[in-house]
Full PDB file with SEQRES, HELIX, SHEET, SSBOND, CRYST1, ORIGX, SCALE, CONECT and MASTER records, all heavy atoms in Angstrom:
SEQRES   1 A   36  GLY GLY CYS VAL GLU VAL GLY ALA VAL ARG ASP GLY ALA          
SEQRES   2 A   36  MET VAL ARG PHE PHE VAL GLN ASP ASP GLY ILE GLY ILE          
SEQRES   3 A   36  ALA ALA GLU HIS GLN PRO MET ILE PHE GLU                      
HELIX    1 AA1 GLN A   31  MET A   33  5                                   3    
SHEET    1 AA1 2 VAL A   4  ASP A  11  0                                        
SHEET    2 AA1 2 MET A  14  ASP A  21 -1                                        
CRYST1    1.000    1.000    1.000  90.00  90.00  90.00 P 1           1          
ORIGX1      1.000000  0.000000  0.000000        0.00000                         
ORIGX2      0.000000  1.000000  0.000000        0.00000                         
ORIGX3      0.000000  0.000000  1.000000        0.00000                         
SCALE1      1.000000  0.000000  0.000000        0.00000                         
SCALE2      0.000000  1.000000  0.000000        0.00000                         
SCALE3      0.000000  0.000000  1.000000        0.00000                         
ATOM      1  N   GLY A   1       0.741  -1.249   0.001  1.00  0.00           N  
ATOM      2  CA  GLY A   1       0.000   0.075   0.005  1.00  0.00           C  
ATOM      3  C   GLY A   1       0.785   1.343  -0.011  1.00  0.00           C  
ATOM      4  O   GLY A   1       0.288   2.391  -0.121  1.00  0.00           O  
ATOM      5  N   GLY A   2       2.241   1.131   0.118  1.00  0.00           N  
ATOM      6  CA  GLY A   2       3.086   2.303   0.082  1.00  0.00           C  
ATOM      7  C   GLY A   2       3.271   2.842  -1.223  1.00  0.00           C  
ATOM      8  O   GLY A   2       2.900   2.230  -2.275  1.00  0.00           O  
ATOM      9  N   CYS A   3       4.089   3.923  -1.272  1.00  0.00           N  
ATOM     10  CA  CYS A   3       4.353   4.654  -2.533  1.00  0.00           C  
ATOM     11  C   CYS A   3       5.879   4.911  -2.700  1.00  0.00           C  
ATOM     12  O   CYS A   3       6.420   5.437  -1.675  1.00  0.00           O  
ATOM     13  CB  CYS A   3       3.499   5.915  -2.640  1.00  0.00           C  
ATOM     14  SG  CYS A   3       3.770   6.828  -4.132  1.00  0.00           S  
ATOM     15  N   VAL A   4       6.324   4.835  -3.861  1.00  0.00           N  
ATOM     16  CA  VAL A   4       7.693   5.236  -4.154  1.00  0.00           C  
ATOM     17  C   VAL A   4       7.531   6.132  -5.370  1.00  0.00           C  
ATOM     18  O   VAL A   4       6.758   5.942  -6.275  1.00  0.00           O  
ATOM     19  CB  VAL A   4       8.618   4.015  -4.719  1.00  0.00           C  
ATOM     20  CG1 VAL A   4       9.936   4.408  -5.217  1.00  0.00           C  
ATOM     21  CG2 VAL A   4       8.743   2.973  -3.486  1.00  0.00           C  
ATOM     22  N   GLU A   5       8.228   7.391  -5.318  1.00  0.00           N  
ATOM     23  CA  GLU A   5       8.219   8.306  -6.325  1.00  0.00           C  
ATOM     24  C   GLU A   5       9.625   8.436  -6.958  1.00  0.00           C  
ATOM     25  O   GLU A   5      10.644   8.562  -6.296  1.00  0.00           O  
ATOM     26  CB  GLU A   5       7.829   9.635  -5.712  1.00  0.00           C  
ATOM     27  CG  GLU A   5       7.653  10.719  -6.766  1.00  0.00           C  
ATOM     28  CD  GLU A   5       7.068  12.043  -6.074  1.00  0.00           C  
ATOM     29  OE1 GLU A   5       6.847  11.992  -4.825  1.00  0.00           O  
ATOM     30  OE2 GLU A   5       6.967  13.078  -6.744  1.00  0.00           O  
ATOM     31  N   VAL A   6       9.726   8.447  -8.376  1.00  0.00           N  
ATOM     32  CA  VAL A   6      10.911   8.599  -9.077  1.00  0.00           C  
ATOM     33  C   VAL A   6      10.767   9.829 -10.014  1.00  0.00           C  
ATOM     34  O   VAL A   6       9.552   9.920 -10.679  1.00  0.00           O  
ATOM     35  CB  VAL A   6      11.366   7.247  -9.762  1.00  0.00           C  
ATOM     36  CG1 VAL A   6      10.246   6.911 -10.714  1.00  0.00           C  
ATOM     37  CG2 VAL A   6      12.725   7.531 -10.431  1.00  0.00           C  
ATOM     38  N   GLY A   7      11.685  10.761 -10.136  1.00  0.00           N  
ATOM     39  CA  GLY A   7      11.510  11.802 -11.027  1.00  0.00           C  
ATOM     40  C   GLY A   7      12.794  12.546 -11.142  1.00  0.00           C  
ATOM     41  O   GLY A   7      13.854  12.070 -10.794  1.00  0.00           O  
ATOM     42  N   ALA A   8      12.759  13.731 -11.807  1.00  0.00           N  
ATOM     43  CA  ALA A   8      13.821  14.605 -12.010  1.00  0.00           C  
ATOM     44  C   ALA A   8      13.401  15.976 -11.976  1.00  0.00           C  
ATOM     45  O   ALA A   8      12.249  16.305 -12.462  1.00  0.00           O  
ATOM     46  CB  ALA A   8      14.511  14.209 -13.322  1.00  0.00           C  
ATOM     47  N   VAL A   9      14.262  16.919 -11.653  1.00  0.00           N  
ATOM     48  CA  VAL A   9      13.804  18.316 -11.687  1.00  0.00           C  
ATOM     49  C   VAL A   9      15.177  19.090 -12.178  1.00  0.00           C  
ATOM     50  O   VAL A   9      16.295  18.548 -12.088  1.00  0.00           O  
ATOM     51  CB  VAL A   9      13.549  18.841 -10.285  1.00  0.00           C  
ATOM     52  CG1 VAL A   9      12.277  18.306  -9.751  1.00  0.00           C  
ATOM     53  CG2 VAL A   9      14.668  18.563  -9.269  1.00  0.00           C  
ATOM     54  N   ARG A  10      14.841  20.324 -12.775  1.00  0.00           N  
ATOM     55  CA  ARG A  10      15.979  21.075 -13.230  1.00  0.00           C  
ATOM     56  C   ARG A  10      16.666  21.669 -12.045  1.00  0.00           C  
ATOM     57  O   ARG A  10      16.044  22.244 -11.212  1.00  0.00           O  
ATOM     58  CB  ARG A  10      15.499  22.049 -14.212  1.00  0.00           C  
ATOM     59  CG  ARG A  10      16.690  22.829 -14.945  1.00  0.00           C  
ATOM     60  CD  ARG A  10      16.307  23.419 -16.306  1.00  0.00           C  
ATOM     61  NE  ARG A  10      17.292  23.986 -16.992  1.00  0.00           N  
ATOM     62  CZ  ARG A  10      17.148  24.351 -18.283  1.00  0.00           C  
ATOM     63  NH1 ARG A  10      16.184  24.102 -18.981  1.00  0.00           N  
ATOM     64  NH2 ARG A  10      18.371  24.835 -18.843  1.00  0.00           N  
ATOM     65  N   ASP A  11      17.988  21.734 -11.941  1.00  0.00           N  
ATOM     66  CA  ASP A  11      18.672  22.280 -10.853  1.00  0.00           C  
ATOM     67  C   ASP A  11      19.758  23.119 -11.471  1.00  0.00           C  
ATOM     68  O   ASP A  11      20.910  22.660 -11.623  1.00  0.00           O  
ATOM     69  CB  ASP A  11      19.212  21.173  -9.932  1.00  0.00           C  
ATOM     70  CG  ASP A  11      19.832  21.868  -8.713  1.00  0.00           C  
ATOM     71  OD1 ASP A  11      19.871  23.027  -8.582  1.00  0.00           O  
ATOM     72  OD2 ASP A  11      20.279  20.954  -7.973  1.00  0.00           O  
ATOM     73  N   GLY A  12      19.456  24.401 -11.844  1.00  0.00           N  
ATOM     74  CA  GLY A  12      20.398  25.312 -12.438  1.00  0.00           C  
ATOM     75  C   GLY A  12      20.760  24.834 -13.769  1.00  0.00           C  
ATOM     76  O   GLY A  12      19.958  24.626 -14.721  1.00  0.00           O  
ATOM     77  N   ALA A  13      22.050  24.547 -14.025  1.00  0.00           N  
ATOM     78  CA  ALA A  13      22.455  24.080 -15.290  1.00  0.00           C  
ATOM     79  C   ALA A  13      22.487  22.531 -15.374  1.00  0.00           C  
ATOM     80  O   ALA A  13      22.971  21.916 -16.321  1.00  0.00           O  
ATOM     81  CB  ALA A  13      23.970  24.609 -15.642  1.00  0.00           C  
ATOM     82  N   MET A  14      21.923  21.895 -14.269  1.00  0.00           N  
ATOM     83  CA  MET A  14      21.975  20.466 -14.279  1.00  0.00           C  
ATOM     84  C   MET A  14      20.578  19.937 -14.080  1.00  0.00           C  
ATOM     85  O   MET A  14      19.573  20.695 -13.887  1.00  0.00           O  
ATOM     86  CB  MET A  14      22.812  19.939 -13.076  1.00  0.00           C  
ATOM     87  CG  MET A  14      24.296  20.564 -13.089  1.00  0.00           C  
ATOM     88  SD  MET A  14      25.216  20.091 -11.696  1.00  0.00           S  
ATOM     89  CE  MET A  14      25.456  18.379 -12.069  1.00  0.00           C  
ATOM     90  N   VAL A  15      20.457  18.609 -14.172  1.00  0.00           N  
ATOM     91  CA  VAL A  15      19.189  17.862 -13.944  1.00  0.00           C  
ATOM     92  C   VAL A  15      19.463  16.954 -12.742  1.00  0.00           C  
ATOM     93  O   VAL A  15      20.431  16.268 -12.674  1.00  0.00           O  
ATOM     94  CB  VAL A  15      18.611  17.077 -15.079  1.00  0.00           C  
ATOM     95  CG1 VAL A  15      17.487  16.160 -14.594  1.00  0.00           C  
ATOM     96  CG2 VAL A  15      18.231  18.071 -16.192  1.00  0.00           C  
ATOM     97  N   ARG A  16      18.595  17.056 -11.699  1.00  0.00           N  
ATOM     98  CA  ARG A  16      18.837  16.209 -10.465  1.00  0.00           C  
ATOM     99  C   ARG A  16      17.710  15.203 -10.422  1.00  0.00           C  
ATOM    100  O   ARG A  16      16.477  15.467 -10.467  1.00  0.00           O  
ATOM    101  CB  ARG A  16      18.556  17.105  -9.286  1.00  0.00           C  
ATOM    102  CG  ARG A  16      18.746  16.259  -7.921  1.00  0.00           C  
ATOM    103  CD  ARG A  16      18.933  17.246  -6.756  1.00  0.00           C  
ATOM    104  NE  ARG A  16      17.980  18.323  -6.734  1.00  0.00           N  
ATOM    105  CZ  ARG A  16      16.779  18.176  -6.073  1.00  0.00           C  
ATOM    106  NH1 ARG A  16      16.414  17.022  -5.572  1.00  0.00           N  
ATOM    107  NH2 ARG A  16      15.882  19.180  -6.092  1.00  0.00           N  
ATOM    108  N   PHE A  17      18.130  13.818 -10.462  1.00  0.00           N  
ATOM    109  CA  PHE A  17      17.164  12.795 -10.362  1.00  0.00           C  
ATOM    110  C   PHE A  17      16.932  12.471  -8.869  1.00  0.00           C  
ATOM    111  O   PHE A  17      17.886  12.684  -8.032  1.00  0.00           O  
ATOM    112  CB  PHE A  17      17.853  11.485 -11.009  1.00  0.00           C  
ATOM    113  CG  PHE A  17      17.880  11.566 -12.467  1.00  0.00           C  
ATOM    114  CD1 PHE A  17      19.084  12.080 -13.118  1.00  0.00           C  
ATOM    115  CD2 PHE A  17      16.900  11.095 -13.325  1.00  0.00           C  
ATOM    116  CE1 PHE A  17      19.209  12.127 -14.411  1.00  0.00           C  
ATOM    117  CE2 PHE A  17      17.034  11.109 -14.763  1.00  0.00           C  
ATOM    118  CZ  PHE A  17      18.263  11.597 -15.258  1.00  0.00           C  
ATOM    119  N   PHE A  18      15.778  11.901  -8.565  1.00  0.00           N  
ATOM    120  CA  PHE A  18      15.493  11.531  -7.131  1.00  0.00           C  
ATOM    121  C   PHE A  18      14.705  10.333  -7.054  1.00  0.00           C  
ATOM    122  O   PHE A  18      13.872   9.957  -7.992  1.00  0.00           O  
ATOM    123  CB  PHE A  18      14.847  12.666  -6.460  1.00  0.00           C  
ATOM    124  CG  PHE A  18      13.447  13.112  -6.995  1.00  0.00           C  
ATOM    125  CD1 PHE A  18      12.352  12.461  -6.395  1.00  0.00           C  
ATOM    126  CD2 PHE A  18      13.357  14.163  -7.869  1.00  0.00           C  
ATOM    127  CE1 PHE A  18      11.143  12.847  -6.964  1.00  0.00           C  
ATOM    128  CE2 PHE A  18      12.082  14.445  -8.450  1.00  0.00           C  
ATOM    129  CZ  PHE A  18      10.927  13.756  -7.933  1.00  0.00           C  
ATOM    130  N   VAL A  19      14.793   9.583  -6.024  1.00  0.00           N  
ATOM    131  CA  VAL A  19      13.921   8.496  -5.640  1.00  0.00           C  
ATOM    132  C   VAL A  19      13.564   8.678  -4.139  1.00  0.00           C  
ATOM    133  O   VAL A  19      14.477   8.846  -3.321  1.00  0.00           O  
ATOM    134  CB  VAL A  19      14.551   7.131  -5.803  1.00  0.00           C  
ATOM    135  CG1 VAL A  19      13.713   6.016  -5.350  1.00  0.00           C  
ATOM    136  CG2 VAL A  19      15.020   7.044  -7.292  1.00  0.00           C  
ATOM    137  N   GLN A  20      12.280   8.627  -3.938  1.00  0.00           N  
ATOM    138  CA  GLN A  20      11.824   8.796  -2.486  1.00  0.00           C  
ATOM    139  C   GLN A  20      10.687   7.878  -2.183  1.00  0.00           C  
ATOM    140  O   GLN A  20      10.016   7.489  -3.135  1.00  0.00           O  
ATOM    141  CB  GLN A  20      11.562  10.277  -2.140  1.00  0.00           C  
ATOM    142  CG  GLN A  20      10.418  10.859  -3.007  1.00  0.00           C  
ATOM    143  CD  GLN A  20      10.348  12.359  -2.823  1.00  0.00           C  
ATOM    144  OE1 GLN A  20      11.290  12.986  -2.591  1.00  0.00           O  
ATOM    145  NE2 GLN A  20       9.122  12.927  -2.998  1.00  0.00           N  
ATOM    146  N   ASP A  21      10.441   7.514  -0.903  1.00  0.00           N  
ATOM    147  CA  ASP A  21       9.386   6.693  -0.661  1.00  0.00           C  
ATOM    148  C   ASP A  21       8.762   7.057   0.631  1.00  0.00           C  
ATOM    149  O   ASP A  21       9.374   7.805   1.498  1.00  0.00           O  
ATOM    150  CB  ASP A  21       9.878   5.199  -0.596  1.00  0.00           C  
ATOM    151  CG  ASP A  21      10.932   4.862   0.338  1.00  0.00           C  
ATOM    152  OD1 ASP A  21      10.635   4.896   1.658  1.00  0.00           O  
ATOM    153  OD2 ASP A  21      12.180   4.809   0.024  1.00  0.00           O  
ATOM    154  N   ASP A  22       7.604   6.413   1.051  1.00  0.00           N  
ATOM    155  CA  ASP A  22       7.042   6.676   2.351  1.00  0.00           C  
ATOM    156  C   ASP A  22       7.127   5.515   3.188  1.00  0.00           C  
ATOM    157  O   ASP A  22       6.190   5.118   3.973  1.00  0.00           O  
ATOM    158  CB  ASP A  22       5.519   7.066   2.059  1.00  0.00           C  
ATOM    159  CG  ASP A  22       4.720   5.993   1.359  1.00  0.00           C  
ATOM    160  OD1 ASP A  22       5.261   4.925   1.098  1.00  0.00           O  
ATOM    161  OD2 ASP A  22       3.531   6.263   1.127  1.00  0.00           O  
ATOM    162  N   GLY A  23       8.251   4.699   3.114  1.00  0.00           N  
ATOM    163  CA  GLY A  23       8.551   3.543   3.836  1.00  0.00           C  
ATOM    164  C   GLY A  23       8.972   3.807   5.265  1.00  0.00           C  
ATOM    165  O   GLY A  23       8.767   4.855   5.712  1.00  0.00           O  
ATOM    166  N   ILE A  24       9.701   2.816   5.819  1.00  0.00           N  
ATOM    167  CA  ILE A  24      10.025   2.973   7.303  1.00  0.00           C  
ATOM    168  C   ILE A  24      11.253   3.861   7.487  1.00  0.00           C  
ATOM    169  O   ILE A  24      11.412   4.213   8.696  1.00  0.00           O  
ATOM    170  CB  ILE A  24      10.196   1.625   7.928  1.00  0.00           C  
ATOM    171  CG1 ILE A  24      11.305   0.875   7.076  1.00  0.00           C  
ATOM    172  CG2 ILE A  24       8.973   0.820   7.977  1.00  0.00           C  
ATOM    173  CD1 ILE A  24      11.644  -0.465   7.655  1.00  0.00           C  
ATOM    174  N   GLY A  25      11.892   4.280   6.483  1.00  0.00           N  
ATOM    175  CA  GLY A  25      13.012   5.240   6.618  1.00  0.00           C  
ATOM    176  C   GLY A  25      14.286   4.578   7.301  1.00  0.00           C  
ATOM    177  O   GLY A  25      14.320   3.409   7.566  1.00  0.00           O  
ATOM    178  N   ILE A  26      15.303   5.498   7.398  1.00  0.00           N  
ATOM    179  CA  ILE A  26      16.551   4.897   7.947  1.00  0.00           C  
ATOM    180  C   ILE A  26      16.984   5.946   9.052  1.00  0.00           C  
ATOM    181  O   ILE A  26      17.013   7.160   8.922  1.00  0.00           O  
ATOM    182  CB  ILE A  26      17.644   4.979   6.906  1.00  0.00           C  
ATOM    183  CG1 ILE A  26      17.191   4.068   5.568  1.00  0.00           C  
ATOM    184  CG2 ILE A  26      19.076   4.609   7.350  1.00  0.00           C  
ATOM    185  CD1 ILE A  26      18.172   4.293   4.478  1.00  0.00           C  
ATOM    186  N   ALA A  27      17.289   5.434  10.240  1.00  0.00           N  
ATOM    187  CA  ALA A  27      17.631   6.198  11.335  1.00  0.00           C  
ATOM    188  C   ALA A  27      18.958   6.968  10.982  1.00  0.00           C  
ATOM    189  O   ALA A  27      19.754   6.574  10.233  1.00  0.00           O  
ATOM    190  CB  ALA A  27      17.997   5.344  12.495  1.00  0.00           C  
ATOM    191  N   ALA A  28      19.030   8.186  11.528  1.00  0.00           N  
ATOM    192  CA  ALA A  28      20.029   9.174  11.335  1.00  0.00           C  
ATOM    193  C   ALA A  28      21.448   8.573  11.492  1.00  0.00           C  
ATOM    194  O   ALA A  28      22.423   8.721  10.761  1.00  0.00           O  
ATOM    195  CB  ALA A  28      19.910  10.527  12.060  1.00  0.00           C  
ATOM    196  N   GLU A  29      21.585   7.788  12.595  1.00  0.00           N  
ATOM    197  CA  GLU A  29      22.917   7.235  12.891  1.00  0.00           C  
ATOM    198  C   GLU A  29      23.297   6.058  11.957  1.00  0.00           C  
ATOM    199  O   GLU A  29      24.423   5.686  11.798  1.00  0.00           O  
ATOM    200  CB  GLU A  29      22.846   6.621  14.370  1.00  0.00           C  
ATOM    201  CG  GLU A  29      21.918   5.495  14.548  1.00  0.00           C  
ATOM    202  CD  GLU A  29      20.566   5.879  15.008  1.00  0.00           C  
ATOM    203  OE1 GLU A  29      20.181   7.104  14.872  1.00  0.00           O  
ATOM    204  OE2 GLU A  29      19.900   5.116  15.682  1.00  0.00           O  
ATOM    205  N   HIS A  30      22.414   5.505  11.268  1.00  0.00           N  
ATOM    206  CA  HIS A  30      22.707   4.440  10.158  1.00  0.00           C  
ATOM    207  C   HIS A  30      23.012   5.100   8.873  1.00  0.00           C  
ATOM    208  O   HIS A  30      23.460   4.362   8.025  1.00  0.00           O  
ATOM    209  CB  HIS A  30      21.557   3.385  10.196  1.00  0.00           C  
ATOM    210  CG  HIS A  30      21.426   2.654  11.360  1.00  0.00           C  
ATOM    211  ND1 HIS A  30      20.130   2.109  11.781  1.00  0.00           N  
ATOM    212  CD2 HIS A  30      22.284   2.244  12.379  1.00  0.00           C  
ATOM    213  CE1 HIS A  30      20.267   1.606  12.882  1.00  0.00           C  
ATOM    214  NE2 HIS A  30      21.610   1.579  13.282  1.00  0.00           N  
ATOM    215  N   GLN A  31      22.529   6.316   8.572  1.00  0.00           N  
ATOM    216  CA  GLN A  31      22.717   6.810   7.194  1.00  0.00           C  
ATOM    217  C   GLN A  31      24.081   6.805   6.677  1.00  0.00           C  
ATOM    218  O   GLN A  31      24.286   6.502   5.401  1.00  0.00           O  
ATOM    219  CB  GLN A  31      21.906   8.156   7.152  1.00  0.00           C  
ATOM    220  CG  GLN A  31      20.512   8.162   7.281  1.00  0.00           C  
ATOM    221  CD  GLN A  31      19.785   9.444   7.314  1.00  0.00           C  
ATOM    222  OE1 GLN A  31      20.446  10.458   6.946  1.00  0.00           O  
ATOM    223  NE2 GLN A  31      18.534   9.459   7.773  1.00  0.00           N  
ATOM    224  N   PRO A  32      25.077   7.153   7.402  1.00  0.00           N  
ATOM    225  CA  PRO A  32      26.438   7.172   6.852  1.00  0.00           C  
ATOM    226  C   PRO A  32      26.893   5.830   6.439  1.00  0.00           C  
ATOM    227  O   PRO A  32      27.944   5.770   5.588  1.00  0.00           O  
ATOM    228  CB  PRO A  32      27.343   7.690   8.099  1.00  0.00           C  
ATOM    229  CG  PRO A  32      26.451   8.428   9.008  1.00  0.00           C  
ATOM    230  CD  PRO A  32      25.132   7.673   8.861  1.00  0.00           C  
ATOM    231  N   MET A  33      26.326   4.701   6.854  1.00  0.00           N  
ATOM    232  CA  MET A  33      26.789   3.429   6.437  1.00  0.00           C  
ATOM    233  C   MET A  33      26.099   2.797   5.306  1.00  0.00           C  
ATOM    234  O   MET A  33      26.476   1.702   4.879  1.00  0.00           O  
ATOM    235  CB  MET A  33      26.624   2.402   7.718  1.00  0.00           C  
ATOM    236  CG  MET A  33      27.326   2.982   8.999  1.00  0.00           C  
ATOM    237  SD  MET A  33      27.145   1.772  10.355  1.00  0.00           S  
ATOM    238  CE  MET A  33      25.443   1.913  10.772  1.00  0.00           C  
ATOM    239  N   ILE A  34      24.967   3.366   4.789  1.00  0.00           N  
ATOM    240  CA  ILE A  34      24.148   2.665   3.841  1.00  0.00           C  
ATOM    241  C   ILE A  34      24.864   2.458   2.561  1.00  0.00           C  
ATOM    242  O   ILE A  34      24.401   1.543   1.782  1.00  0.00           O  
ATOM    243  CB  ILE A  34      22.775   3.292   3.719  1.00  0.00           C  
ATOM    244  CG1 ILE A  34      22.973   4.721   3.089  1.00  0.00           C  
ATOM    245  CG2 ILE A  34      22.087   3.382   5.006  1.00  0.00           C  
ATOM    246  CD1 ILE A  34      21.715   5.397   2.823  1.00  0.00           C  
ATOM    247  N   PHE A  35      25.855   3.144   2.147  1.00  0.00           N  
ATOM    248  CA  PHE A  35      26.562   2.979   0.836  1.00  0.00           C  
ATOM    249  C   PHE A  35      27.652   2.138   1.012  1.00  0.00           C  
ATOM    250  O   PHE A  35      28.411   2.086  -0.084  1.00  0.00           O  
ATOM    251  CB  PHE A  35      26.868   4.407   0.293  1.00  0.00           C  
ATOM    252  CG  PHE A  35      25.677   5.138  -0.166  1.00  0.00           C  
ATOM    253  CD1 PHE A  35      25.121   6.171   0.551  1.00  0.00           C  
ATOM    254  CD2 PHE A  35      25.076   4.892  -1.462  1.00  0.00           C  
ATOM    255  CE1 PHE A  35      23.960   6.812   0.204  1.00  0.00           C  
ATOM    256  CE2 PHE A  35      24.071   5.558  -1.778  1.00  0.00           C  
ATOM    257  CZ  PHE A  35      23.404   6.606  -1.119  1.00  0.00           C  
ATOM    258  N   GLU A  36      28.033   1.459   2.113  1.00  0.00           N  
ATOM    259  CA  GLU A  36      29.045   0.540   2.212  1.00  0.00           C  
ATOM    260  C   GLU A  36      28.651  -0.925   1.716  1.00  0.00           C  
ATOM    261  O   GLU A  36      27.531  -1.268   1.931  1.00  0.00           O  
ATOM    262  CB  GLU A  36      29.580   0.455   3.707  1.00  0.00           C  
ATOM    263  CG  GLU A  36      30.054   1.724   4.296  1.00  0.00           C  
ATOM    264  CD  GLU A  36      31.209   2.243   3.571  1.00  0.00           C  
ATOM    265  OE1 GLU A  36      32.056   1.474   3.166  1.00  0.00           O  
ATOM    266  OE2 GLU A  36      31.435   3.517   3.439  1.00  0.00           O  
TER     267      GLU A  36                                                      
MASTER        0    0    0    1    2    0    0    6  266    1    0    3          
END                                                                             
């Protein structure tokens, strides 16, 4: 029943892609580790 949103917006001379969701999220203390 949740939702994921994918899109892009113009950001100055660039285009910024984004992915966001309304899931359970990631605690702030864990965020530095998620790309390991």
